[in-house]
């Protein structure tokens, strides 16, 4: 028995499941690519891009203020710039 039928043609179910599998693989590829891009940007799944970077910048600013490296006016100005 031939795997492709008596005339060398694909069986009927190959024409149904072939495109479905192609769409599934395309969706999987897009999801994986989006996850890799998000991971490379340093974000998490539920956050906006660069939101983690802004939070970290604010933490560094607060640490510098606590150590006395910057005064209150400079702290407030930079904090305002980060919140924009």
PDB file of N, CA and C in Angstrom:
ATOM      1  N   UNK A   1       0.845  -1.184   0.000  1.00  0.00           N
ATOM      2  CA  UNK A   1       0.000   0.000   0.000  1.00  0.00           C
ATOM      3  C   UNK A   1       0.884   1.239   0.000  1.00  0.00           C
ATOM      4  N   UNK A   2       0.576   2.184  -0.839  1.00  0.00           N
ATOM      5  CA  UNK A   2       1.357   3.397  -0.951  1.00  0.00           C
ATOM      6  C   UNK A   2       0.890   4.413   0.103  1.00  0.00           C
ATOM      7  N   UNK A   3       1.836   5.205   0.652  1.00  0.00           N
ATOM      8  CA  UNK A   3       1.433   6.157   1.685  1.00  0.00           C
ATOM      9  C   UNK A   3       0.602   7.317   1.151  1.00  0.00           C
ATOM     10  N   UNK A   4       0.653   7.593  -0.140  1.00  0.00           N
ATOM     11  CA  UNK A   4      -0.055   8.751  -0.694  1.00  0.00           C
ATOM     12  C   UNK A   4      -1.283   8.365  -1.501  1.00  0.00           C
ATOM     13  N   UNK A   5      -1.744   7.169  -1.383  1.00  0.00           N
ATOM     14  CA  UNK A   5      -2.945   6.777  -2.115  1.00  0.00           C
ATOM     15  C   UNK A   5      -2.581   6.110  -3.438  1.00  0.00           C
ATOM     16  N   UNK A   6      -3.566   5.620  -4.136  1.00  0.00           N
ATOM     17  CA  UNK A   6      -3.309   4.839  -5.349  1.00  0.00           C
ATOM     18  C   UNK A   6      -2.746   5.658  -6.504  1.00  0.00           C
ATOM     19  N   UNK A   7      -3.013   6.957  -6.597  1.00  0.00           N
ATOM     20  CA  UNK A   7      -2.530   7.756  -7.722  1.00  0.00           C
ATOM     21  C   UNK A   7      -1.418   8.720  -7.326  1.00  0.00           C
ATOM     22  N   UNK A   8      -0.831   8.509  -6.168  1.00  0.00           N
ATOM     23  CA  UNK A   8       0.247   9.370  -5.713  1.00  0.00           C
ATOM     24  C   UNK A   8      -0.235  10.710  -5.185  1.00  0.00           C
ATOM     25  N   UNK A   9      -1.524  10.788  -4.847  1.00  0.00           N
ATOM     26  CA  UNK A   9      -2.084  12.039  -4.347  1.00  0.00           C
ATOM     27  C   UNK A   9      -2.163  12.008  -2.823  1.00  0.00           C
ATOM     28  N   UNK A  10      -2.154  13.195  -2.228  1.00  0.00           N
ATOM     29  CA  UNK A  10      -2.291  13.320  -0.787  1.00  0.00           C
ATOM     30  C   UNK A  10      -3.722  12.946  -0.397  1.00  0.00           C
ATOM     31  N   UNK A  11      -3.876  12.228   0.731  1.00  0.00           N
ATOM     32  CA  UNK A  11      -5.240  11.921   1.171  1.00  0.00           C
ATOM     33  C   UNK A  11      -5.999  13.197   1.534  1.00  0.00           C
ATOM     34  N   UNK A  12      -7.313  13.132   1.592  1.00  0.00           N
ATOM     35  CA  UNK A  12      -8.155  14.311   1.813  1.00  0.00           C
ATOM     36  C   UNK A  12      -7.854  15.015   3.121  1.00  0.00           C
ATOM     37  N   UNK A  13      -7.546  14.254   4.169  1.00  0.00           N
ATOM     38  CA  UNK A  13      -7.308  14.886   5.466  1.00  0.00           C
ATOM     39  C   UNK A  13      -6.001  15.671   5.490  1.00  0.00           C
ATOM     40  N   UNK A  14      -5.095  15.402   4.583  1.00  0.00           N
ATOM     41  CA  UNK A  14      -3.859  16.174   4.491  1.00  0.00           C
ATOM     42  C   UNK A  14      -4.139  17.603   4.036  1.00  0.00           C
ATOM     43  N   UNK A  15      -5.176  17.759   3.214  1.00  0.00           N
ATOM     44  CA  UNK A  15      -5.524  19.098   2.748  1.00  0.00           C
ATOM     45  C   UNK A  15      -6.234  19.907   3.836  1.00  0.00           C
ATOM     46  N   UNK A  16      -6.797  19.246   4.834  1.00  0.00           N
ATOM     47  CA  UNK A  16      -7.478  19.928   5.928  1.00  0.00           C
ATOM     48  C   UNK A  16      -6.496  20.253   7.046  1.00  0.00           C
ATOM     49  N   UNK A  17      -5.732  19.246   7.482  1.00  0.00           N
ATOM     50  CA  UNK A  17      -4.843  19.429   8.629  1.00  0.00           C
ATOM     51  C   UNK A  17      -3.534  20.131   8.274  1.00  0.00           C
ATOM     52  N   UNK A  18      -3.132  20.093   7.029  1.00  0.00           N
ATOM     53  CA  UNK A  18      -1.895  20.768   6.618  1.00  0.00           C
ATOM     54  C   UNK A  18      -1.941  22.274   6.857  1.00  0.00           C
ATOM     55  N   UNK A  19      -2.938  22.976   6.330  1.00  0.00           N
ATOM     56  CA  UNK A  19      -3.031  24.425   6.578  1.00  0.00           C
ATOM     57  C   UNK A  19      -3.259  24.768   8.053  1.00  0.00           C
ATOM     58  N   UNK A  20      -4.012  23.926   8.760  1.00  0.00           N
ATOM     59  CA  UNK A  20      -4.231  24.183  10.184  1.00  0.00           C
ATOM     60  C   UNK A  20      -2.911  24.105  10.943  1.00  0.00           C
ATOM     61  N   UNK A  21      -2.115  23.099  10.660  1.00  0.00           N
ATOM     62  CA  UNK A  21      -0.814  22.963  11.327  1.00  0.00           C
ATOM     63  C   UNK A  21       0.116  24.116  10.950  1.00  0.00           C
ATOM     64  N   UNK A  22       0.042  24.568   9.717  1.00  0.00           N
ATOM     65  CA  UNK A  22       0.877  25.687   9.296  1.00  0.00           C
ATOM     66  C   UNK A  22       0.504  26.957  10.075  1.00  0.00           C
ATOM     67  N   UNK A  23      -0.779  27.193  10.275  1.00  0.00           N
ATOM     68  CA  UNK A  23      -1.229  28.360  11.037  1.00  0.00           C
ATOM     69  C   UNK A  23      -0.803  28.233  12.496  1.00  0.00           C
ATOM     70  N   UNK A  24      -0.932  27.031  13.066  1.00  0.00           N
ATOM     71  CA  UNK A  24      -0.508  26.824  14.459  1.00  0.00           C
ATOM     72  C   UNK A  24       0.973  27.102  14.613  1.00  0.00           C
ATOM     73  N   UNK A  25       1.805  26.613  13.705  1.00  0.00           N
ATOM     74  CA  UNK A  25       3.254  26.860  13.790  1.00  0.00           C
ATOM     75  C   UNK A  25       3.576  28.341  13.621  1.00  0.00           C
ATOM     76  N   UNK A  26       2.846  29.021  12.769  1.00  0.00           N
ATOM     77  CA  UNK A  26       3.065  30.451  12.582  1.00  0.00           C
ATOM     78  C   UNK A  26       2.731  31.233  13.858  1.00  0.00           C
ATOM     79  N   UNK A  27       1.629  30.884  14.507  1.00  0.00           N
ATOM     80  CA  UNK A  27       1.253  31.528  15.765  1.00  0.00           C
ATOM     81  C   UNK A  27       2.297  31.253  16.836  1.00  0.00           C
ATOM     82  N   UNK A  28       2.759  30.021  16.946  1.00  0.00           N
ATOM     83  CA  UNK A  28       3.788  29.676  17.930  1.00  0.00           C
ATOM     84  C   UNK A  28       5.060  30.471  17.660  1.00  0.00           C
ATOM     85  N   UNK A  29       5.452  30.581  16.416  1.00  0.00           N
ATOM     86  CA  UNK A  29       6.658  31.334  16.061  1.00  0.00           C
ATOM     87  C   UNK A  29       6.527  32.812  16.445  1.00  0.00           C
ATOM     88  N   UNK A  30       5.371  33.408  16.189  1.00  0.00           N
ATOM     89  CA  UNK A  30       5.150  34.817  16.531  1.00  0.00           C
ATOM     90  C   UNK A  30       5.176  35.017  18.042  1.00  0.00           C
ATOM     91  N   UNK A  31       4.552  34.117  18.797  1.00  0.00           N
ATOM     92  CA  UNK A  31       4.536  34.235  20.257  1.00  0.00           C
ATOM     93  C   UNK A  31       5.944  34.101  20.828  1.00  0.00           C
ATOM     94  N   UNK A  32       6.714  33.156  20.322  1.00  0.00           N
ATOM     95  CA  UNK A  32       8.087  32.980  20.799  1.00  0.00           C
ATOM     96  C   UNK A  32       8.931  34.206  20.451  1.00  0.00           C
ATOM     97  N   UNK A  33       8.793  34.734  19.246  1.00  0.00           N
ATOM     98  CA  UNK A  33       9.556  35.925  18.850  1.00  0.00           C
ATOM     99  C   UNK A  33       9.190  37.116  19.730  1.00  0.00           C
ATOM    100  N   UNK A  34       7.910  37.300  20.028  1.00  0.00           N
ATOM    101  CA  UNK A  34       7.487  38.406  20.893  1.00  0.00           C
ATOM    102  C   UNK A  34       8.038  38.235  22.302  1.00  0.00           C
ATOM    103  N   UNK A  35       8.049  37.006  22.809  1.00  0.00           N
ATOM    104  CA  UNK A  35       8.584  36.755  24.150  1.00  0.00           C
ATOM    105  C   UNK A  35      10.086  37.029  24.208  1.00  0.00           C
ATOM    106  N   UNK A  36      10.813  36.645  23.172  1.00  0.00           N
ATOM    107  CA  UNK A  36      12.254  36.900  23.142  1.00  0.00           C
ATOM    108  C   UNK A  36      12.530  38.397  23.064  1.00  0.00           C
ATOM    109  N   UNK A  37      11.788  39.107  22.249  1.00  0.00           N
ATOM    110  CA  UNK A  37      11.982  40.567  22.145  1.00  0.00           C
ATOM    111  C   UNK A  37      11.682  41.232  23.475  1.00  0.00           C
ATOM    112  N   UNK A  38      10.599  40.837  24.135  1.00  0.00           N
ATOM    113  CA  UNK A  38      10.243  41.414  25.433  1.00  0.00           C
ATOM    114  C   UNK A  38      11.329  41.103  26.466  1.00  0.00           C
ATOM    115  N   UNK A  39      11.852  39.876  26.431  1.00  0.00           N
ATOM    116  CA  UNK A  39      12.902  39.483  27.366  1.00  0.00           C
ATOM    117  C   UNK A  39      14.176  40.293  27.131  1.00  0.00           C
ATOM    118  N   UNK A  40      14.532  40.521  25.868  1.00  0.00           N
ATOM    119  CA  UNK A  40      15.726  41.294  25.554  1.00  0.00           C
ATOM    120  C   UNK A  40      15.590  42.752  25.974  1.00  0.00           C
ATOM    121  N   UNK A  41      14.385  43.277  25.982  1.00  0.00           N
ATOM    122  CA  UNK A  41      14.156  44.649  26.420  1.00  0.00           C
ATOM    123  C   UNK A  41      14.133  44.766  27.935  1.00  0.00           C
ATOM    124  N   UNK A  42      14.084  43.664  28.626  1.00  0.00           N
ATOM    125  CA  UNK A  42      14.108  43.690  30.081  1.00  0.00           C
ATOM    126  C   UNK A  42      12.744  43.833  30.708  1.00  0.00           C
ATOM    127  N   UNK A  43      11.702  43.757  29.925  1.00  0.00           N
ATOM    128  CA  UNK A  43      10.359  43.884  30.470  1.00  0.00           C
ATOM    129  C   UNK A  43       9.798  42.539  30.875  1.00  0.00           C
ATOM    130  N   UNK A  44       8.662  42.569  31.540  1.00  0.00           N
ATOM    131  CA  UNK A  44       7.953  41.350  31.881  1.00  0.00           C
ATOM    132  C   UNK A  44       6.697  41.275  31.037  1.00  0.00           C
ATOM    133  N   UNK A  45       5.997  40.194  31.180  1.00  0.00           N
ATOM    134  CA  UNK A  45       4.845  39.963  30.308  1.00  0.00           C
ATOM    135  C   UNK A  45       3.754  40.998  30.540  1.00  0.00           C
ATOM    136  N   UNK A  46       3.502  41.402  31.776  1.00  0.00           N
ATOM    137  CA  UNK A  46       2.395  42.303  32.055  1.00  0.00           C
ATOM    138  C   UNK A  46       2.758  43.773  32.132  1.00  0.00           C
ATOM    139  N   UNK A  47       3.953  44.154  31.723  1.00  0.00           N
ATOM    140  CA  UNK A  47       4.345  45.550  31.866  1.00  0.00           C
ATOM    141  C   UNK A  47       4.573  46.196  30.504  1.00  0.00           C
ATOM    142  N   UNK A  48       4.570  47.495  30.513  1.00  0.00           N
ATOM    143  CA  UNK A  48       4.897  48.232  29.301  1.00  0.00           C
ATOM    144  C   UNK A  48       6.408  48.184  29.076  1.00  0.00           C
ATOM    145  N   UNK A  49       6.856  48.281  27.837  1.00  0.00           N
ATOM    146  CA  UNK A  49       8.298  48.315  27.604  1.00  0.00           C
ATOM    147  C   UNK A  49       8.928  49.492  28.331  1.00  0.00           C
ATOM    148  N   UNK A  50      10.061  49.273  28.900  1.00  0.00           N
ATOM    149  CA  UNK A  50      10.875  50.266  29.606  1.00  0.00           C
ATOM    150  C   UNK A  50      10.277  50.707  30.934  1.00  0.00           C
ATOM    151  N   UNK A  51       9.148  50.156  31.363  1.00  0.00           N
ATOM    152  CA  UNK A  51       8.577  50.533  32.651  1.00  0.00           C
ATOM    153  C   UNK A  51       9.502  50.098  33.780  1.00  0.00           C
ATOM    154  N   UNK A  52      10.144  48.961  33.652  1.00  0.00           N
ATOM    155  CA  UNK A  52      11.082  48.496  34.660  1.00  0.00           C
ATOM    156  C   UNK A  52      12.304  49.387  34.738  1.00  0.00           C
ATOM    157  N   UNK A  53      12.754  49.900  33.607  1.00  0.00           N
ATOM    158  CA  UNK A  53      13.913  50.791  33.594  1.00  0.00           C
ATOM    159  C   UNK A  53      13.603  52.099  34.314  1.00  0.00           C
ATOM    160  N   UNK A  54      12.419  52.629  34.137  1.00  0.00           N
ATOM    161  CA  UNK A  54      12.031  53.879  34.784  1.00  0.00           C
ATOM    162  C   UNK A  54      11.948  53.686  36.296  1.00  0.00           C
ATOM    163  N   UNK A  55      11.421  52.548  36.713  1.00  0.00           N
ATOM    164  CA  UNK A  55      11.334  52.258  38.148  1.00  0.00           C
ATOM    165  C   UNK A  55      12.725  52.137  38.745  1.00  0.00           C
ATOM    166  N   UNK A  56      13.613  51.479  38.054  1.00  0.00           N
ATOM    167  CA  UNK A  56      14.985  51.317  38.542  1.00  0.00           C
ATOM    168  C   UNK A  56      15.693  52.672  38.599  1.00  0.00           C
ATOM    169  N   UNK A  57      15.459  53.534  37.638  1.00  0.00           N
ATOM    170  CA  UNK A  57      16.074  54.862  37.643  1.00  0.00           C
ATOM    171  C   UNK A  57      15.604  55.664  38.850  1.00  0.00           C
ATOM    172  N   UNK A  58      14.327  55.537  39.195  1.00  0.00           N
ATOM    173  CA  UNK A  58      13.802  56.235  40.360  1.00  0.00           C
ATOM    174  C   UNK A  58      14.430  55.696  41.645  1.00  0.00           C
ATOM    175  N   UNK A  59      14.638  54.379  41.705  1.00  0.00           N
ATOM    176  CA  UNK A  59      15.299  53.790  42.875  1.00  0.00           C
ATOM    177  C   UNK A  59      16.725  54.308  43.028  1.00  0.00           C
ATOM    178  N   UNK A  60      17.446  54.414  41.931  1.00  0.00           N
ATOM    179  CA  UNK A  60      18.812  54.932  41.970  1.00  0.00           C
ATOM    180  C   UNK A  60      18.802  56.389  42.418  1.00  0.00           C
ATOM    181  N   UNK A  61      17.850  57.155  41.916  1.00  0.00           N
ATOM    182  CA  UNK A  61      17.734  58.560  42.299  1.00  0.00           C
ATOM    183  C   UNK A  61      17.468  58.691  43.800  1.00  0.00           C
ATOM    184  N   UNK A  62      16.575  57.859  44.333  1.00  0.00           N
ATOM    185  CA  UNK A  62      16.290  57.887  45.770  1.00  0.00           C
ATOM    186  C   UNK A  62      17.509  57.498  46.596  1.00  0.00           C
ATOM    187  N   UNK A  63      18.279  56.525  46.104  1.00  0.00           N
ATOM    188  CA  UNK A  63      19.499  56.128  46.810  1.00  0.00           C
ATOM    189  C   UNK A  63      20.516  57.272  46.835  1.00  0.00           C
ATOM    190  N   UNK A  64      20.667  57.956  45.715  1.00  0.00           N
ATOM    191  CA  UNK A  64      21.606  59.082  45.664  1.00  0.00           C
ATOM    192  C   UNK A  64      21.176  60.201  46.605  1.00  0.00           C
ATOM    193  N   UNK A  65      19.879  60.450  46.686  1.00  0.00           N
ATOM    194  CA  UNK A  65      19.359  61.478  47.599  1.00  0.00           C
ATOM    195  C   UNK A  65      19.596  61.060  49.052  1.00  0.00           C
ATOM    196  N   UNK A  66      19.385  59.785  49.342  1.00  0.00           N
ATOM    197  CA  UNK A  66      19.574  59.288  50.704  1.00  0.00           C
ATOM    198  C   UNK A  66      21.043  59.362  51.124  1.00  0.00           C
ATOM    199  N   UNK A  67      21.952  59.155  50.195  1.00  0.00           N
ATOM    200  CA  UNK A  67      23.386  59.234  50.511  1.00  0.00           C
ATOM    201  C   UNK A  67      23.879  60.675  50.579  1.00  0.00           C
ATOM    202  N   UNK A  68      23.054  61.623  50.151  1.00  0.00           N
ATOM    203  CA  UNK A  68      23.436  63.028  50.190  1.00  0.00           C
ATOM    204  C   UNK A  68      24.224  63.488  48.977  1.00  0.00           C
ATOM    205  N   UNK A  69      24.216  62.705  47.909  1.00  0.00           N
ATOM    206  CA  UNK A  69      24.944  63.078  46.695  1.00  0.00           C
ATOM    207  C   UNK A  69      24.249  64.222  45.957  1.00  0.00           C
ATOM    208  N   UNK A  70      22.927  64.300  46.095  1.00  0.00           N
ATOM    209  CA  UNK A  70      22.169  65.368  45.435  1.00  0.00           C
ATOM    210  C   UNK A  70      21.279  66.037  46.486  1.00  0.00           C
ATOM    211  N   UNK A  71      20.948  67.295  46.255  1.00  0.00           N
ATOM    212  CA  UNK A  71      20.089  68.009  47.208  1.00  0.00           C
ATOM    213  C   UNK A  71      18.616  67.817  46.827  1.00  0.00           C
ATOM    214  N   UNK A  72      17.735  68.371  47.654  1.00  0.00           N
ATOM    215  CA  UNK A  72      16.295  68.172  47.468  1.00  0.00           C
ATOM    216  C   UNK A  72      15.796  68.767  46.152  1.00  0.00           C
ATOM    217  N   UNK A  73      16.285  69.944  45.781  1.00  0.00           N
ATOM    218  CA  UNK A  73      15.840  70.571  44.533  1.00  0.00           C
ATOM    219  C   UNK A  73      16.207  69.717  43.321  1.00  0.00           C
ATOM    220  N   UNK A  74      17.437  69.217  43.307  1.00  0.00           N
ATOM    221  CA  UNK A  74      17.871  68.375  42.180  1.00  0.00           C
ATOM    222  C   UNK A  74      17.078  67.066  42.159  1.00  0.00           C
ATOM    223  N   UNK A  75      16.834  66.507  43.354  1.00  0.00           N
ATOM    224  CA  UNK A  75      16.039  65.277  43.443  1.00  0.00           C
ATOM    225  C   UNK A  75      14.638  65.487  42.873  1.00  0.00           C
ATOM    226  N   UNK A  76      13.975  66.559  43.288  1.00  0.00           N
ATOM    227  CA  UNK A  76      12.614  66.841  42.816  1.00  0.00           C
ATOM    228  C   UNK A  76      12.582  67.082  41.312  1.00  0.00           C
ATOM    229  N   UNK A  77      13.577  67.787  40.784  1.00  0.00           N
ATOM    230  CA  UNK A  77      13.633  68.062  39.342  1.00  0.00           C
ATOM    231  C   UNK A  77      13.793  66.762  38.540  1.00  0.00           C
ATOM    232  N   UNK A  78      14.715  65.929  38.987  1.00  0.00           N
ATOM    233  CA  UNK A  78      14.955  64.665  38.253  1.00  0.00           C
ATOM    234  C   UNK A  78      13.791  63.721  38.414  1.00  0.00           C
ATOM    235  N   UNK A  79      13.162  63.713  39.557  1.00  0.00           N
ATOM    236  CA  UNK A  79      11.991  62.871  39.766  1.00  0.00           C
ATOM    237  C   UNK A  79      10.857  63.306  38.832  1.00  0.00           C
ATOM    238  N   UNK A  80      10.690  64.616  38.677  1.00  0.00           N
ATOM    239  CA  UNK A  80       9.662  65.132  37.764  1.00  0.00           C
ATOM    240  C   UNK A  80       9.969  64.716  36.325  1.00  0.00           C
ATOM    241  N   UNK A  81      11.256  64.771  35.931  1.00  0.00           N
ATOM    242  CA  UNK A  81      11.633  64.374  34.582  1.00  0.00           C
ATOM    243  C   UNK A  81      11.368  62.883  34.351  1.00  0.00           C
ATOM    244  N   UNK A  82      11.608  62.070  35.364  1.00  0.00           N
ATOM    245  CA  UNK A  82      11.365  60.619  35.226  1.00  0.00           C
ATOM    246  C   UNK A  82       9.878  60.286  35.142  1.00  0.00           C
ATOM    247  N   UNK A  83       9.046  61.098  35.777  1.00  0.00           N
ATOM    248  CA  UNK A  83       7.614  60.799  35.778  1.00  0.00           C
ATOM    249  C   UNK A  83       6.926  61.220  34.482  1.00  0.00           C
ATOM    250  N   UNK A  84       7.564  62.017  33.649  1.00  0.00           N
ATOM    251  CA  UNK A  84       6.966  62.447  32.365  1.00  0.00           C
ATOM    252  C   UNK A  84       6.879  61.319  31.379  1.00  0.00           C
TER     253      UNK A  84
END
